[in-house]
Amino acid sequence: MNRREAIHALGTLTLGMSMPNVAQAVSGPEPKAPAIGSASEPLPSMVAGVRLVDSEIARRATELCRSVSPHYLFNHAVRTFLFGSLVGRALGQKFDDEILYLACILHDLGLTARFQGDSPFEIQGAEAARHFLLEHGYAKDRIAIVWDGIAMHASPIGSFKQPEIALVGEGAGADVIAPDFSTIRKADVEEVVTAFPRLRFKDAFLGTCTEVVRNHPRAAANSFMRDVRDRYVPEFHPQNFCDRLVQAPFLE
C-alpha cells in the first residue's frame, strides 16, 4: 500500500468540525528486544535498531501515556514511533528524535477517557499534549511541532510537512493499516511487534473509537466536501476504514 494512502485511510476517522476547549492535561546483530509484558515494565533501550528516547520529558510523557491508556493503546503509541523512525531512516530524512517521540507517544491521548471530548480526537490529543508540555517547561517552538504532529497524524496534510510531523502519520499508518515493505523490512516489523505486542489491537481499537464516537458524536462529524460527495456523487463507494483495519496484514 502507498504510504500516503495509508495515512489518508486514517483520516476517515476524524474529519470533525466543532472545536470547543478540551480538558487540561495532568499536573554483531542487535539482540531482539523482549516483549513488554505489563504496562509497568521499563521500555527496552533499542528495538529494530531504533533507540527509544530517554530524556526527562520523554520519560514523563511515557508515564502520562501509560497512566491514561489501555495497554494495547500504549503499545500502539510506541510502535508508531518505531515505525515512523524506520520510515524516516529509509527515506534518508533528518529529524529530531525527541520531538518525534513526544508526538508519537502522545498522539492518541484524545482516545482516552481522560482526554476525549467533542473536538476531533487528534485535536483533543494535541491540546492535551500542549498543556502537559507547557506545564513541564518545554520550549514553545518545539511544542508547536508536537501539536502539529498529533493534530495532523490522521490527515493527508501531515505528509507534506516536516519529518517530525509527517512521520507520526507514517508510523501510525504503518501500524493501523499496513507497513510499506519498500521502506520497512519485514524482520523489523516482526521485532517491533514482538517487543510491543498488538494485544488484539484491531478489535480493541475499533471498540475504543466506537466508544469515543458514542460519547462525543460531534467529534466524528464529516467534512463539508464529504457531504457534497455523498449527496451528488453516489456512484463513488470508498472503502470503509473499519474494513481496511480488519484487512491489515497482522493477525490481531
Protein backbone atom coordinates (compact mmCIF):
# COMPACT_ATOMS: atom_id res chain seq x y z
CA MET A 1 0.00 0.00 0.00
CA ASN A 2 1.18 3.51 -0.83
CA ARG A 3 2.22 5.32 2.36
CA ARG A 4 0.06 8.36 1.64
CA GLU A 5 -2.94 6.11 1.01
CA ALA A 6 -2.44 4.55 4.45
CA ILE A 7 -2.43 7.94 6.12
CA HIS A 8 -5.47 9.02 4.10
CA ALA A 9 -7.30 5.93 5.35
CA LEU A 10 -6.74 7.10 8.91
CA GLY A 11 -8.41 10.37 8.01
CA THR A 12 -11.76 8.64 7.62
CA LEU A 13 -11.95 8.57 11.42
CA THR A 14 -11.56 12.18 12.13
CA LEU A 15 -12.84 14.94 9.87
CA GLY A 16 -14.62 16.75 12.68
CA MET A 17 -15.94 20.30 12.62
CA SER A 18 -16.56 21.58 16.16
CA MET A 19 -13.65 22.76 18.32
CA PRO A 20 -14.60 23.59 21.92
CA ASN A 21 -11.97 23.74 24.67
CA VAL A 22 -10.51 20.42 25.73
CA ALA A 23 -9.70 19.20 29.22
CA GLN A 24 -6.40 20.30 30.76
CA ALA A 25 -3.57 17.77 30.83
CA VAL A 26 -2.40 16.21 34.09
CA SER A 27 -0.19 18.30 36.66
CA GLY A 28 27.00 -8.45 15.85
CA PRO A 29 23.31 -8.25 15.21
CA GLU A 30 21.38 -6.37 17.79
CA PRO A 31 19.53 -8.76 20.13
CA LYS A 32 15.78 -8.69 19.75
CA ALA A 33 14.01 -6.69 22.44
CA PRO A 34 11.92 -8.75 24.89
CA ALA A 35 8.16 -8.28 24.85
CA ILE A 36 6.69 -5.75 27.24
CA GLY A 37 4.55 -7.99 29.41
CA SER A 38 2.89 -5.32 31.50
CA ALA A 39 2.37 -1.60 31.32
CA SER A 40 4.68 -1.03 34.31
CA GLU A 41 7.79 -2.66 32.85
CA PRO A 42 10.65 -0.41 31.70
CA LEU A 43 10.96 0.10 27.97
CA PRO A 44 13.84 -1.55 26.12
CA SER A 45 16.61 0.82 25.12
CA MET A 46 16.52 -0.20 21.45
CA VAL A 47 14.16 -2.06 19.13
CA ALA A 48 14.83 -2.86 15.45
CA GLY A 49 17.87 -0.60 15.57
CA VAL A 50 15.86 2.38 16.82
CA ARG A 51 16.86 3.82 20.20
CA LEU A 52 13.91 4.80 22.37
CA VAL A 53 14.23 8.36 23.63
CA ASP A 54 15.06 8.51 27.34
CA SER A 55 15.20 12.22 28.14
CA GLU A 56 13.42 13.53 31.23
CA ILE A 57 10.49 14.95 29.25
CA ALA A 58 10.24 11.74 27.20
CA ARG A 59 10.03 9.67 30.40
CA ARG A 60 7.32 11.94 31.79
CA ALA A 61 5.35 11.73 28.54
CA THR A 62 5.68 7.95 28.58
CA GLU A 63 4.35 7.90 32.15
CA LEU A 64 1.39 10.05 31.12
CA CYS A 65 0.56 7.82 28.17
CA ARG A 66 0.81 4.70 30.32
CA SER A 67 -1.31 6.18 33.09
CA VAL A 68 -4.28 7.07 30.86
CA SER A 69 -4.12 4.49 28.05
CA PRO A 70 -5.19 0.86 27.85
CA HIS A 71 -2.12 -1.36 27.47
CA TYR A 72 -2.89 -2.09 23.81
CA LEU A 73 -3.08 1.65 23.00
CA PHE A 74 0.18 2.39 24.82
CA ASN A 75 1.93 -0.31 22.78
CA HIS A 76 0.47 1.22 19.61
CA ALA A 77 1.90 4.63 20.57
CA VAL A 78 5.40 3.16 20.96
CA ARG A 79 5.10 1.16 17.72
CA THR A 80 4.08 4.39 15.98
CA PHE A 81 7.40 5.96 16.99
CA LEU A 82 9.39 2.89 15.98
CA PHE A 83 7.72 2.55 12.57
CA GLY A 84 7.88 6.30 11.96
CA SER A 85 11.59 6.32 12.76
CA LEU A 86 12.24 3.35 10.46
CA VAL A 87 10.41 5.08 7.61
CA GLY A 88 12.32 8.31 8.20
CA ARG A 89 15.64 6.50 8.12
CA ALA A 90 14.72 4.60 4.97
CA LEU A 91 13.84 7.89 3.27
CA GLY A 92 17.10 9.48 4.39
CA GLN A 93 15.34 12.12 6.46
CA LYS A 94 16.87 14.01 9.36
CA PHE A 95 14.55 14.54 12.29
CA ASP A 96 14.59 15.38 15.98
CA ASP A 97 14.12 12.07 17.81
CA GLU A 98 12.71 13.68 20.97
CA ILE A 99 10.09 15.77 19.18
CA LEU A 100 9.00 12.79 17.10
CA TYR A 101 8.86 10.57 20.19
CA LEU A 102 6.73 13.06 22.12
CA ALA A 103 4.30 13.43 19.22
CA CYS A 104 4.02 9.67 18.77
CA ILE A 105 3.73 8.65 22.42
CA LEU A 106 1.02 11.29 22.99
CA HIS A 107 -0.76 11.10 19.62
CA ASP A 108 -3.79 9.12 20.82
CA LEU A 109 -4.47 10.89 24.12
CA GLY A 110 -7.73 12.09 22.55
CA LEU A 111 -8.99 8.50 22.52
CA THR A 112 -8.55 8.06 26.27
CA ALA A 113 -11.29 8.52 28.85
CA ARG A 114 -9.40 11.41 30.45
CA PHE A 115 -8.88 13.48 27.32
CA GLN A 116 -11.67 12.61 24.85
CA GLY A 117 -14.19 15.33 24.05
CA ASP A 118 -16.30 16.98 21.38
CA SER A 119 -13.38 18.04 19.18
CA PRO A 120 -11.84 15.51 16.77
CA PHE A 121 -9.67 13.14 18.77
CA GLU A 122 -6.46 14.46 17.15
CA ILE A 123 -7.26 17.98 18.36
CA GLN A 124 -8.21 16.71 21.80
CA GLY A 125 -4.89 14.90 21.96
CA ALA A 126 -2.85 17.79 20.58
CA GLU A 127 -4.31 20.18 23.12
CA ALA A 128 -3.76 17.73 25.99
CA ALA A 129 -0.15 17.29 24.89
CA ARG A 130 0.33 21.05 24.62
CA HIS A 131 -0.94 21.63 28.16
CA PHE A 132 1.21 18.81 29.50
CA LEU A 133 4.39 20.04 27.81
CA LEU A 134 3.78 23.64 28.86
CA GLU A 135 3.38 22.50 32.47
CA HIS A 136 6.80 20.88 32.23
CA GLY A 137 8.52 23.93 30.75
CA TYR A 138 9.08 22.51 27.28
CA ALA A 139 10.10 25.04 24.62
CA LYS A 140 7.08 26.59 22.86
CA ASP A 141 8.56 26.24 19.38
CA ARG A 142 9.05 22.50 19.96
CA ILE A 143 5.55 22.18 21.44
CA ALA A 144 4.16 23.68 18.23
CA ILE A 145 5.75 20.89 16.19
CA VAL A 146 4.44 18.22 18.57
CA TRP A 147 0.97 19.78 18.33
CA ASP A 148 1.04 19.66 14.53
CA GLY A 149 2.31 16.08 14.51
CA ILE A 150 -0.60 14.95 16.67
CA ALA A 151 -3.28 17.13 15.07
CA MET A 152 -2.31 16.13 11.52
CA HIS A 153 -1.41 12.48 12.01
CA ALA A 154 -4.72 11.19 10.58
CA SER A 155 -4.78 13.71 7.72
CA PRO A 156 -3.01 13.63 4.33
CA ILE A 157 -1.95 17.22 5.08
CA GLY A 158 0.60 15.98 7.60
CA SER A 159 2.50 14.02 4.95
CA PHE A 160 3.51 17.31 3.30
CA LYS A 161 5.01 18.75 6.49
CA GLN A 162 8.46 18.42 8.08
CA PRO A 163 9.58 14.93 9.15
CA GLU A 164 8.75 15.32 12.84
CA ILE A 165 5.14 15.91 11.78
CA ALA A 166 4.86 13.63 8.76
CA LEU A 167 6.43 10.61 10.44
CA VAL A 168 3.75 10.47 13.14
CA GLY A 169 1.20 9.71 10.43
CA GLU A 170 3.64 7.38 8.68
CA GLY A 171 4.17 5.38 11.85
CA ALA A 172 0.51 5.27 12.81
CA GLY A 173 -0.49 4.31 9.27
CA ALA A 174 2.06 1.51 9.21
CA ASP A 175 0.71 0.09 12.46
CA VAL A 176 -3.01 0.54 11.85
CA ILE A 177 -3.41 -0.06 8.11
CA ALA A 178 -0.22 -1.63 6.71
CA PRO A 179 3.55 -1.19 6.70
CA ASP A 180 5.11 -0.20 3.39
CA PHE A 181 7.60 -3.01 2.92
CA SER A 182 9.54 -0.93 0.43
CA THR A 183 10.64 1.22 3.39
CA ILE A 184 10.31 -1.10 6.42
CA ARG A 185 11.86 -4.57 6.50
CA LYS A 186 9.59 -7.44 7.49
CA ALA A 187 12.16 -8.54 10.07
CA ASP A 188 11.97 -5.11 11.69
CA VAL A 189 8.17 -5.24 11.76
CA GLU A 190 8.35 -8.62 13.48
CA GLU A 191 10.82 -7.31 16.05
CA VAL A 192 8.68 -4.27 16.80
CA VAL A 193 5.53 -6.36 17.23
CA THR A 194 7.40 -8.89 19.38
CA ALA A 195 8.69 -6.12 21.67
CA PHE A 196 5.33 -4.32 21.83
CA PRO A 197 2.58 -6.90 21.17
CA ARG A 198 -0.61 -5.81 19.44
CA LEU A 199 -2.87 -7.32 22.14
CA ARG A 200 -5.91 -7.79 19.88
CA PHE A 201 -5.34 -4.31 18.50
CA LYS A 202 -7.90 -4.48 15.69
CA ASP A 203 -10.84 -5.31 17.95
CA ALA A 204 -9.66 -3.10 20.81
CA PHE A 205 -9.01 -0.05 18.64
CA LEU A 206 -12.36 -0.23 16.90
CA GLY A 207 -14.02 -0.67 20.29
CA THR A 208 -12.27 2.40 21.67
CA CYS A 209 -13.15 4.51 18.64
CA THR A 210 -16.77 3.37 18.84
CA GLU A 211 -16.96 4.37 22.49
CA VAL A 212 -15.48 7.82 21.75
CA VAL A 213 -17.93 8.41 18.89
CA ARG A 214 -20.85 7.20 21.03
CA ASN A 215 -19.85 9.58 23.84
CA HIS A 216 -18.96 12.50 21.55
CA PRO A 217 -20.72 12.08 18.18
CA ARG A 218 -19.84 15.62 17.08
CA ALA A 219 -16.17 14.62 17.14
CA ALA A 220 -16.82 12.35 14.15
CA ALA A 221 -18.69 14.90 12.02
CA ASN A 222 -17.95 14.73 8.29
CA SER A 223 -16.24 17.46 6.32
CA PHE A 224 -18.44 19.53 4.02
CA MET A 225 -16.71 18.03 0.94
CA ARG A 226 -17.64 14.54 2.08
CA ASP A 227 -21.24 15.67 2.49
CA VAL A 228 -21.21 17.05 -1.06
CA ARG A 229 -19.68 13.83 -2.40
CA ASP A 230 -22.25 11.64 -0.66
CA ARG A 231 -25.13 13.77 -1.94
CA TYR A 232 -24.00 14.37 -5.55
CA VAL A 233 -21.55 11.56 -6.42
CA PRO A 234 -23.48 8.47 -5.30
CA GLU A 235 -21.57 6.19 -7.69
CA PHE A 236 -18.40 6.58 -5.60
CA HIS A 237 -18.10 3.99 -2.83
CA PRO A 238 -14.98 4.45 -0.71
CA GLN A 239 -13.71 1.53 1.33
CA ASN A 240 -14.68 1.83 4.96
CA PHE A 241 -11.84 2.41 7.44
CA CYS A 242 -13.12 -0.45 9.61
CA ASP A 243 -12.70 -2.88 6.71
CA ARG A 244 -9.19 -1.62 5.99
CA LEU A 245 -8.22 -2.14 9.62
CA VAL A 246 -9.59 -5.68 9.67
CA GLN A 247 -7.68 -6.45 6.45
CA ALA A 248 -4.36 -5.12 7.82
CA PRO A 249 -1.55 -7.70 7.46
CA PHE A 250 -1.45 -8.51 11.17
CA LEU A 251 -3.17 -11.39 12.95
CA GLU A 252 -4.68 -9.08 15.57
